[in-house]
N, C-alpha and C. Protein backbone atom coordinates (compact mmCIF):
# COMPACT_ATOMS: atom_id res chain seq x y z
N MET A 1 9.41 -16.68 -21.80
CA MET A 1 8.03 -16.09 -21.84
C MET A 1 7.33 -15.52 -20.56
N ARG A 2 6.71 -14.30 -20.67
CA ARG A 2 6.01 -13.57 -19.54
C ARG A 2 4.73 -13.98 -19.15
N HIS A 3 3.91 -15.07 -19.85
CA HIS A 3 2.83 -15.47 -20.03
C HIS A 3 2.35 -15.47 -18.36
N GLY A 4 1.29 -15.00 -18.05
CA GLY A 4 0.59 -15.26 -16.91
C GLY A 4 1.23 -14.53 -15.65
N LYS A 5 2.08 -13.75 -15.65
CA LYS A 5 2.89 -12.99 -14.86
C LYS A 5 2.35 -11.63 -14.77
N LYS A 6 1.35 -11.45 -13.71
CA LYS A 6 0.59 -10.31 -13.72
C LYS A 6 1.32 -9.23 -12.67
N ILE A 7 2.04 -9.44 -11.85
CA ILE A 7 2.38 -8.71 -10.83
C ILE A 7 3.49 -7.54 -11.44
N ALA A 8 3.39 -6.14 -11.23
CA ALA A 8 4.15 -5.10 -11.58
C ALA A 8 5.29 -4.87 -10.81
N LYS A 9 6.62 -4.90 -11.55
CA LYS A 9 8.09 -4.86 -11.19
C LYS A 9 8.22 -3.75 -10.35
N LEU A 10 7.78 -2.62 -10.56
CA LEU A 10 7.74 -1.33 -10.11
C LEU A 10 9.35 -0.65 -10.12
N GLY A 11 10.12 -1.17 -10.97
CA GLY A 11 11.27 -0.69 -11.12
C GLY A 11 12.49 -1.08 -10.01
N ARG A 12 12.19 -2.45 -9.31
CA ARG A 12 12.81 -2.70 -8.56
C ARG A 12 12.93 -4.28 -8.38
N ASN A 13 14.20 -4.80 -7.82
CA ASN A 13 14.14 -6.22 -7.75
C ASN A 13 13.00 -6.60 -6.85
N SER A 14 13.01 -8.14 -6.50
CA SER A 14 12.13 -8.94 -5.95
C SER A 14 12.45 -8.53 -4.41
N SER A 15 13.42 -8.66 -3.92
CA SER A 15 13.52 -8.19 -2.30
C SER A 15 13.18 -6.70 -2.02
N HIS A 16 13.63 -5.87 -2.94
CA HIS A 16 13.38 -4.40 -2.69
C HIS A 16 11.96 -4.32 -2.78
N ARG A 17 11.00 -5.04 -3.81
CA ARG A 17 9.62 -4.87 -3.91
C ARG A 17 9.01 -5.24 -2.86
N LYS A 18 9.35 -6.42 -2.55
CA LYS A 18 8.77 -7.19 -1.48
C LYS A 18 8.86 -6.31 -0.04
N ALA A 19 9.76 -5.70 0.43
CA ALA A 19 10.19 -4.62 1.32
C ALA A 19 9.48 -3.44 1.04
N MET A 20 9.13 -3.00 0.04
CA MET A 20 8.55 -1.74 -0.05
C MET A 20 7.26 -2.03 -0.09
N LEU A 21 6.45 -3.14 -0.45
CA LEU A 21 5.10 -3.62 -0.20
C LEU A 21 5.09 -3.69 1.20
N ALA A 22 5.56 -4.32 1.76
CA ALA A 22 5.69 -4.76 3.32
C ALA A 22 5.45 -3.25 4.08
N ASN A 23 6.61 -2.75 3.56
CA ASN A 23 6.21 -1.02 4.50
C ASN A 23 4.82 -0.40 4.16
N MET A 24 4.91 -0.78 2.82
CA MET A 24 3.78 0.32 2.58
C MET A 24 2.20 -0.41 3.20
N VAL A 25 2.01 -1.61 3.02
CA VAL A 25 0.92 -2.39 3.90
C VAL A 25 1.00 -1.84 5.30
N THR A 26 2.03 -1.93 5.98
CA THR A 26 2.33 -1.89 7.42
C THR A 26 1.74 -0.02 7.57
N SER A 27 1.99 0.76 6.41
CA SER A 27 1.53 2.30 6.89
C SER A 27 0.09 2.24 6.55
N LEU A 28 -0.27 1.32 5.65
CA LEU A 28 -1.81 1.48 5.75
C LEU A 28 -2.77 1.29 6.52
N PHE A 29 -2.02 0.01 7.24
CA PHE A 29 -3.02 -0.38 8.44
C PHE A 29 -3.02 0.17 9.43
N GLU A 30 -1.55 1.14 9.60
CA GLU A 30 -1.49 2.10 10.68
C GLU A 30 -2.13 3.13 10.43
N ASN A 31 -2.37 3.63 9.49
CA ASN A 31 -2.70 5.11 9.41
C ASN A 31 -4.20 5.10 8.67
N GLU A 32 -4.60 3.87 8.09
CA GLU A 32 -5.94 3.56 7.13
C GLU A 32 -5.91 4.46 5.81
N VAL A 33 -5.12 5.06 5.61
CA VAL A 33 -5.10 5.97 4.38
C VAL A 33 -3.87 6.38 3.99
N ILE A 34 -3.32 6.57 2.70
CA ILE A 34 -1.74 6.68 2.45
C ILE A 34 -1.86 7.34 1.03
N ARG A 35 -1.00 8.16 0.36
CA ARG A 35 -1.00 8.85 -0.74
C ARG A 35 0.40 8.25 -1.27
N THR A 36 0.13 7.50 -2.69
CA THR A 36 1.17 7.17 -3.38
C THR A 36 1.12 7.14 -4.80
N THR A 37 1.85 6.55 -5.54
CA THR A 37 1.63 6.55 -7.01
C THR A 37 0.48 5.53 -7.35
N ASP A 38 0.00 5.39 -8.45
CA ASP A 38 -0.93 4.90 -8.93
C ASP A 38 -0.70 3.68 -8.94
N VAL A 39 0.24 3.18 -9.99
CA VAL A 39 0.95 1.42 -10.11
C VAL A 39 1.14 0.93 -8.55
N ARG A 40 1.70 1.59 -7.68
CA ARG A 40 2.15 1.29 -6.43
C ARG A 40 0.67 0.92 -5.62
N ALA A 41 -0.03 1.98 -5.75
CA ALA A 41 -1.70 1.35 -4.93
C ALA A 41 -2.13 0.40 -5.38
N LYS A 42 -2.21 -0.05 -6.53
CA LYS A 42 -2.74 -1.10 -7.25
C LYS A 42 -2.20 -2.27 -7.08
N GLU A 43 -0.91 -2.38 -6.52
CA GLU A 43 0.05 -3.55 -6.14
C GLU A 43 -0.49 -3.66 -4.67
N LEU A 44 -0.26 -2.80 -3.87
CA LEU A 44 -0.63 -2.57 -2.36
C LEU A 44 -1.96 -2.59 -2.12
N ARG A 45 -3.07 -2.76 -3.24
CA ARG A 45 -4.39 -3.13 -2.86
C ARG A 45 -4.61 -4.89 -2.97
N ARG A 46 -3.74 -5.40 -3.94
CA ARG A 46 -3.62 -7.02 -3.59
C ARG A 46 -3.09 -7.35 -2.19
N THR A 47 -2.22 -6.71 -2.10
CA THR A 47 -1.34 -7.24 -0.90
C THR A 47 -2.21 -7.06 0.45
N ALA A 48 -2.77 -6.02 0.34
CA ALA A 48 -3.66 -5.82 1.67
C ALA A 48 -5.04 -6.18 1.89
N ASP A 49 -5.62 -6.66 0.54
CA ASP A 49 -6.78 -7.77 0.43
C ASP A 49 -6.53 -9.04 1.21
N ASN A 50 -5.17 -9.36 0.58
CA ASN A 50 -4.79 -10.79 1.11
C ASN A 50 -4.64 -10.69 2.73
N MET A 51 -3.92 -9.58 3.16
CA MET A 51 -3.76 -9.69 4.47
C MET A 51 -5.11 -9.62 5.83
N ILE A 52 -6.00 -8.68 4.91
CA ILE A 52 -7.11 -8.84 5.59
C ILE A 52 -8.04 -10.05 5.69
N THR A 53 -7.79 -10.64 4.59
CA THR A 53 -8.52 -12.21 4.58
C THR A 53 -7.64 -13.16 5.40
N PHE A 54 -6.67 -12.99 5.46
CA PHE A 54 -6.02 -13.98 6.59
C PHE A 54 -6.39 -13.33 8.10
N ALA A 55 -6.43 -12.50 8.27
CA ALA A 55 -6.91 -11.84 9.45
C ALA A 55 -8.07 -12.23 9.59
N LYS A 56 -9.05 -12.47 9.01
CA LYS A 56 -10.55 -13.03 9.18
C LYS A 56 -10.83 -14.21 9.46
N LYS A 57 -9.32 -14.94 9.30
CA LYS A 57 -9.44 -16.69 9.58
C LYS A 57 -9.18 -16.55 10.83
N ASN A 58 -8.24 -15.81 11.55
CA ASN A 58 -7.85 -15.38 12.81
C ASN A 58 -7.62 -16.67 13.59
N ASP A 59 -6.70 -17.60 13.08
CA ASP A 59 -5.95 -18.64 13.95
C ASP A 59 -4.27 -18.34 13.58
N LEU A 60 -3.77 -19.51 14.07
CA LEU A 60 -2.23 -18.96 14.40
C LEU A 60 -1.69 -18.97 13.19
N HIS A 61 -2.07 -20.26 12.21
CA HIS A 61 -1.10 -20.04 11.08
C HIS A 61 -1.46 -18.94 10.24
N ALA A 62 -2.63 -17.95 9.93
CA ALA A 62 -2.98 -16.97 9.41
C ALA A 62 -2.13 -15.91 9.99
N ARG A 63 -1.99 -15.85 11.39
CA ARG A 63 -1.33 -14.78 11.86
C ARG A 63 0.05 -14.74 11.57
N ARG A 64 0.52 -16.16 11.84
CA ARG A 64 2.07 -16.06 11.32
C ARG A 64 2.43 -15.92 9.76
N GLN A 65 1.27 -16.13 8.87
CA GLN A 65 1.45 -15.61 7.70
C GLN A 65 1.64 -14.35 7.37
N VAL A 66 0.83 -13.28 8.19
CA VAL A 66 0.98 -11.95 7.81
C VAL A 66 2.09 -11.46 8.45
N LEU A 67 2.51 -12.46 9.76
CA LEU A 67 4.16 -11.67 10.17
C LEU A 67 5.26 -11.83 9.30
N ARG A 68 4.84 -12.72 8.13
CA ARG A 68 5.89 -12.89 7.57
C ARG A 68 6.68 -11.51 6.51
N SER A 69 5.06 -10.80 6.27
CA SER A 69 5.18 -9.54 5.70
C SER A 69 5.46 -8.26 6.63
N ILE A 70 4.32 -8.32 7.97
CA ILE A 70 4.27 -7.11 8.71
C ILE A 70 5.08 -7.48 9.73
N ALA A 71 6.05 -6.75 9.85
CA ALA A 71 7.11 -6.82 11.26
C ALA A 71 6.59 -6.21 12.41
N ASN A 72 5.91 -5.27 12.41
CA ASN A 72 5.17 -4.25 13.35
C ASN A 72 4.25 -4.98 14.07
N LYS A 73 4.26 -5.55 15.20
CA LYS A 73 3.30 -6.49 16.22
C LYS A 73 2.14 -5.76 16.49
N LYS A 74 2.29 -4.53 16.73
CA LYS A 74 1.13 -3.51 17.00
C LYS A 74 0.09 -3.36 15.75
N VAL A 75 0.73 -3.48 14.53
CA VAL A 75 -0.33 -3.47 13.23
C VAL A 75 -0.69 -4.71 13.25
N VAL A 76 -0.09 -5.60 13.78
CA VAL A 76 -0.58 -6.85 13.07
C VAL A 76 -1.73 -7.21 14.28
N ALA A 77 -1.51 -6.46 15.54
CA ALA A 77 -2.80 -6.83 16.55
C ALA A 77 -3.75 -6.23 16.43
N LYS A 78 -3.69 -4.71 15.44
CA LYS A 78 -4.97 -4.16 15.31
C LYS A 78 -5.41 -4.87 13.82
N LEU A 79 -4.62 -5.24 13.06
CA LEU A 79 -5.28 -5.90 11.90
C LEU A 79 -6.27 -7.22 12.30
N PHE A 80 -5.69 -7.88 13.34
CA PHE A 80 -6.57 -9.07 13.98
C PHE A 80 -7.61 -8.87 14.61
N ASP A 81 -7.23 -7.63 15.18
CA ASP A 81 -8.42 -7.51 16.56
C ASP A 81 -9.31 -6.70 16.00
N GLU A 82 -9.18 -5.35 15.38
CA GLU A 82 -10.15 -4.23 14.83
C GLU A 82 -10.71 -4.50 13.48
N LEU A 83 -9.48 -4.49 12.59
CA LEU A 83 -9.96 -4.72 10.95
C LEU A 83 -10.55 -5.96 10.61
N ALA A 84 -10.22 -6.96 11.07
CA ALA A 84 -10.73 -8.32 10.76
C ALA A 84 -12.36 -8.16 11.45
N ASP A 85 -12.67 -7.63 12.70
CA ASP A 85 -14.04 -7.57 12.84
C ASP A 85 -14.73 -6.53 12.00
N ARG A 86 -14.16 -5.66 11.42
CA ARG A 86 -14.79 -4.39 10.88
C ARG A 86 -15.01 -5.42 9.42
N TYR A 87 -14.49 -5.91 8.66
CA TYR A 87 -14.40 -6.67 7.62
C TYR A 87 -15.46 -8.01 7.59
N LYS A 88 -15.66 -8.30 8.71
CA LYS A 88 -15.95 -9.76 8.57
C LYS A 88 -17.30 -10.21 7.69
N GLY A 89 -18.21 -9.35 7.51
CA GLY A 89 -19.10 -9.01 6.89
C GLY A 89 -19.00 -8.96 5.22
N ARG A 90 -17.97 -8.61 4.80
CA ARG A 90 -17.26 -8.20 3.51
C ARG A 90 -16.52 -9.31 2.69
N SER A 91 -16.53 -9.57 1.72
CA SER A 91 -15.90 -10.88 1.20
C SER A 91 -14.68 -10.10 0.44
N GLY A 92 -14.43 -9.05 0.27
CA GLY A 92 -13.53 -8.54 -0.60
C GLY A 92 -13.47 -7.09 -0.64
N GLY A 93 -12.71 -6.67 -1.39
CA GLY A 93 -12.94 -5.15 -1.47
C GLY A 93 -12.78 -4.06 -0.56
N TYR A 94 -11.68 -4.29 0.27
CA TYR A 94 -11.47 -3.77 1.62
C TYR A 94 -10.84 -2.41 1.25
N THR A 95 -10.43 -2.26 0.24
CA THR A 95 -9.61 -0.73 -0.08
C THR A 95 -10.38 -0.13 -0.73
N ARG A 96 -9.84 1.31 -1.14
CA ARG A 96 -10.71 2.03 -2.28
C ARG A 96 -9.15 2.95 -2.69
N ILE A 97 -9.14 2.89 -4.43
CA ILE A 97 -8.20 3.92 -4.69
C ILE A 97 -8.86 4.99 -5.43
N ILE A 98 -8.04 6.17 -4.98
CA ILE A 98 -8.84 7.67 -5.48
C ILE A 98 -7.71 8.20 -5.98
N LYS A 99 -7.75 8.74 -7.52
CA LYS A 99 -6.87 9.14 -8.16
C LYS A 99 -7.07 10.65 -8.17
N VAL A 100 -5.81 11.45 -7.72
CA VAL A 100 -5.70 12.75 -7.29
C VAL A 100 -4.92 13.56 -8.15
N GLY A 101 -4.39 13.07 -9.17
CA GLY A 101 -3.90 13.85 -10.07
C GLY A 101 -2.44 13.48 -10.13
N THR A 102 -1.43 14.27 -10.69
CA THR A 102 0.04 14.31 -11.11
C THR A 102 0.90 14.45 -9.85
N ARG A 103 1.80 14.03 -9.74
CA ARG A 103 3.07 14.62 -8.76
C ARG A 103 3.98 15.85 -9.26
N ARG A 104 4.00 16.76 -8.80
CA ARG A 104 4.55 17.98 -9.33
C ARG A 104 5.97 17.85 -9.77
N GLY A 105 6.87 17.04 -9.20
CA GLY A 105 8.35 16.94 -9.78
C GLY A 105 8.20 16.12 -11.06
N ASP A 106 7.73 15.05 -11.05
CA ASP A 106 7.95 14.33 -12.34
C ASP A 106 6.82 13.97 -12.95
N GLY A 107 5.39 14.52 -12.70
CA GLY A 107 4.28 14.13 -13.56
C GLY A 107 3.97 12.57 -13.10
N ALA A 108 4.26 11.79 -12.36
CA ALA A 108 3.35 10.60 -11.66
C ALA A 108 2.29 10.83 -11.42
N LEU A 109 1.40 9.79 -11.88
CA LEU A 109 -0.01 9.66 -11.40
C LEU A 109 0.06 9.39 -9.83
N MET A 110 -0.89 9.81 -9.51
CA MET A 110 -0.70 10.00 -7.84
C MET A 110 -2.01 9.42 -7.45
N SER A 111 -2.24 8.71 -6.22
CA SER A 111 -3.78 7.93 -5.42
C SER A 111 -3.56 8.04 -4.39
N ILE A 112 -4.76 8.03 -3.77
CA ILE A 112 -4.86 7.77 -2.47
C ILE A 112 -5.23 6.63 -2.26
N ILE A 113 -4.96 5.66 -1.32
CA ILE A 113 -5.69 4.40 -1.31
C ILE A 113 -5.85 4.18 0.55
N GLU A 114 -7.19 3.93 0.66
CA GLU A 114 -7.44 3.80 1.80
C GLU A 114 -8.54 2.72 2.20
N LEU A 115 -8.88 2.36 3.59
CA LEU A 115 -9.39 1.17 3.48
C LEU A 115 -10.82 1.83 3.67
N VAL A 116 -11.99 1.02 3.10
CA VAL A 116 -13.11 1.63 3.36
C VAL A 116 -13.92 1.09 4.54
N ASP A 117 -14.91 1.87 4.74
CA ASP A 117 -15.69 1.94 6.25
C ASP A 117 -14.82 2.29 7.16
N ARG A 118 -13.86 2.95 7.29
CA ARG A 118 -12.91 3.32 8.10
C ARG A 118 -13.95 4.50 9.14
N PRO A 119 -13.97 4.51 10.37
CA PRO A 119 -14.49 5.51 11.30
C PRO A 119 -13.76 7.12 11.13
N GLY A 120 -14.68 7.98 11.01
CA GLY A 120 -14.19 9.11 11.01
C GLY A 120 -14.05 9.62 9.45
N ALA A 121 -13.99 8.82 8.24
CA ALA A 121 -13.86 9.08 7.02
C ALA A 121 -14.86 10.18 6.30
N ASP A 122 -16.21 9.67 6.92
CA ASP A 122 -17.52 10.60 6.50
C ASP A 122 -17.37 11.72 6.87
N ALA A 123 -16.86 12.22 8.31
CA ALA A 123 -16.81 13.40 8.67
C ALA A 123 -15.88 14.49 7.97
N ALA A 124 -14.67 13.93 7.40
CA ALA A 124 -13.61 14.68 6.56
C ALA A 124 -13.89 14.53 5.41
N GLU A 125 -14.79 13.59 4.78
CA GLU A 125 -15.45 14.08 3.46
C GLU A 125 -16.54 15.28 3.50
N GLU A 126 -17.14 15.30 4.59
CA GLU A 126 -18.09 16.39 4.57
C GLU A 126 -17.51 17.88 4.78
N GLU A 127 -16.51 17.88 5.40
CA GLU A 127 -15.58 19.05 5.61
C GLU A 127 -15.21 19.63 4.29
N THR A 128 -14.50 18.77 3.62
CA THR A 128 -13.97 19.39 2.43
C THR A 128 -14.63 19.33 1.07
N THR A 129 -15.95 18.77 1.32
CA THR A 129 -16.87 19.00 0.26
C THR A 129 -17.24 20.19 -0.07
N PRO A 130 -17.33 20.91 -1.13
CA PRO A 130 -17.68 22.23 -1.32
C PRO A 130 -19.07 22.31 -1.20
N VAL A 131 -19.95 23.17 -0.72
CA VAL A 131 -21.33 23.31 -0.67
C VAL A 131 -21.67 24.58 -1.62
N LYS A 132 -22.62 24.27 -2.55
CA LYS A 132 -22.99 25.32 -3.60
C LYS A 132 -24.00 26.12 -2.80
N ALA A 133 -23.52 27.51 -2.85
CA ALA A 133 -24.51 28.44 -1.99
C ALA A 133 -25.76 28.75 -2.98
N THR A 134 -27.09 29.06 -2.43
CA THR A 134 -28.12 29.06 -2.73
C THR A 134 -28.29 30.58 -3.45
N GLU A 135 -29.20 30.90 -4.09
CA GLU A 135 -29.21 31.98 -4.68
C GLU A 135 -29.81 33.28 -3.82
N GLU A 136 -30.42 33.08 -2.90
CA GLU A 136 -30.68 33.81 -1.90
C GLU A 136 -29.66 34.19 -1.10
N GLU A 137 -28.74 33.08 -0.63
CA GLU A 137 -27.31 33.62 -0.17
C GLU A 137 -26.85 34.56 -1.24
N VAL A 138 -26.69 33.95 -2.28
CA VAL A 138 -25.56 35.22 -3.02
C VAL A 138 -26.25 36.60 -3.26
N VAL A 139 -27.56 36.69 -3.23
CA VAL A 139 -27.98 37.83 -3.40
C VAL A 139 -27.87 38.75 -2.34
N ALA A 140 -28.20 38.03 -1.07
CA ALA A 140 -27.75 38.69 0.18
C ALA A 140 -26.28 39.00 0.64
N ASP A 141 -25.41 38.37 0.05
CA ASP A 141 -23.91 38.56 0.16
C ASP A 141 -23.71 39.72 -0.85
N ASP A 142 -23.98 39.83 -2.13
CA ASP A 142 -24.18 41.20 -2.99
C ASP A 142 -24.61 42.66 -2.27
N ALA A 143 -25.79 42.27 -1.73
CA ALA A 143 -26.44 43.47 -0.87
C ALA A 143 -25.52 43.77 0.14
N ALA A 144 -25.05 43.27 0.96
CA ALA A 144 -23.99 43.33 1.95
C ALA A 144 -22.89 44.05 1.60
N GLU A 145 -22.27 43.62 0.18
CA GLU A 145 -21.01 44.41 -0.18
C GLU A 145 -21.37 45.78 -0.64
N GLU A 146 -22.76 46.08 -1.39
CA GLU A 146 -23.14 47.04 -1.85
C GLU A 146 -23.14 48.16 -0.68
N GLN A 147 -23.76 47.66 0.65
CA GLN A 147 -23.94 48.36 1.61
C GLN A 147 -22.60 48.97 2.10
N GLU A 148 -21.65 48.18 2.16
CA GLU A 148 -20.39 48.38 2.59
C GLU A 148 -19.62 49.41 1.79
N LYS A 149 -20.03 49.22 0.38
CA LYS A 149 -19.20 50.22 -0.42
C LYS A 149 -20.02 51.77 -0.36
N GLU A 150 -21.14 51.50 0.05
CA GLU A 150 -21.86 52.83 0.28
C GLU A 150 -21.48 53.67 1.38
N LYS A 151 -21.10 53.13 2.31
CA LYS A 151 -20.63 53.60 3.68
C LYS A 151 -19.36 54.46 3.48
N ASP A 152 -18.37 53.58 2.46
CA ASP A 152 -17.10 54.21 2.12
C ASP A 152 -17.17 55.21 1.36
């Protein structure tokens, strides 16, 4: 019976699934944002939150627990030095999942998973957020277009 087994299999055997999640969590901590399928992002969130919680303990046992999954020592150093300090006042919810639509090839639901409170994220969001033009700007643009047409 499958009672109480909440982990998603992701269409892989256990060793492949563990390796994939280890690679994804390494990429997430290295880049602080990645794009993946919705189901993978949800499983990755569980793993990443556990790793950050280990890093906040900042002892040898926690570092060894993290090194079981993350082989890249630079990423582990970043996790324990930068990310643990960033999230020391937060007791969970270190990641955010944003749904971005479907993948073109197979229609899989895609998501962006990112670390919350990452520096530079607000500037990037401001650049991509469209600003609605005011009525005065629209009227001024229309007048400028009419003047150009009259010149021709």
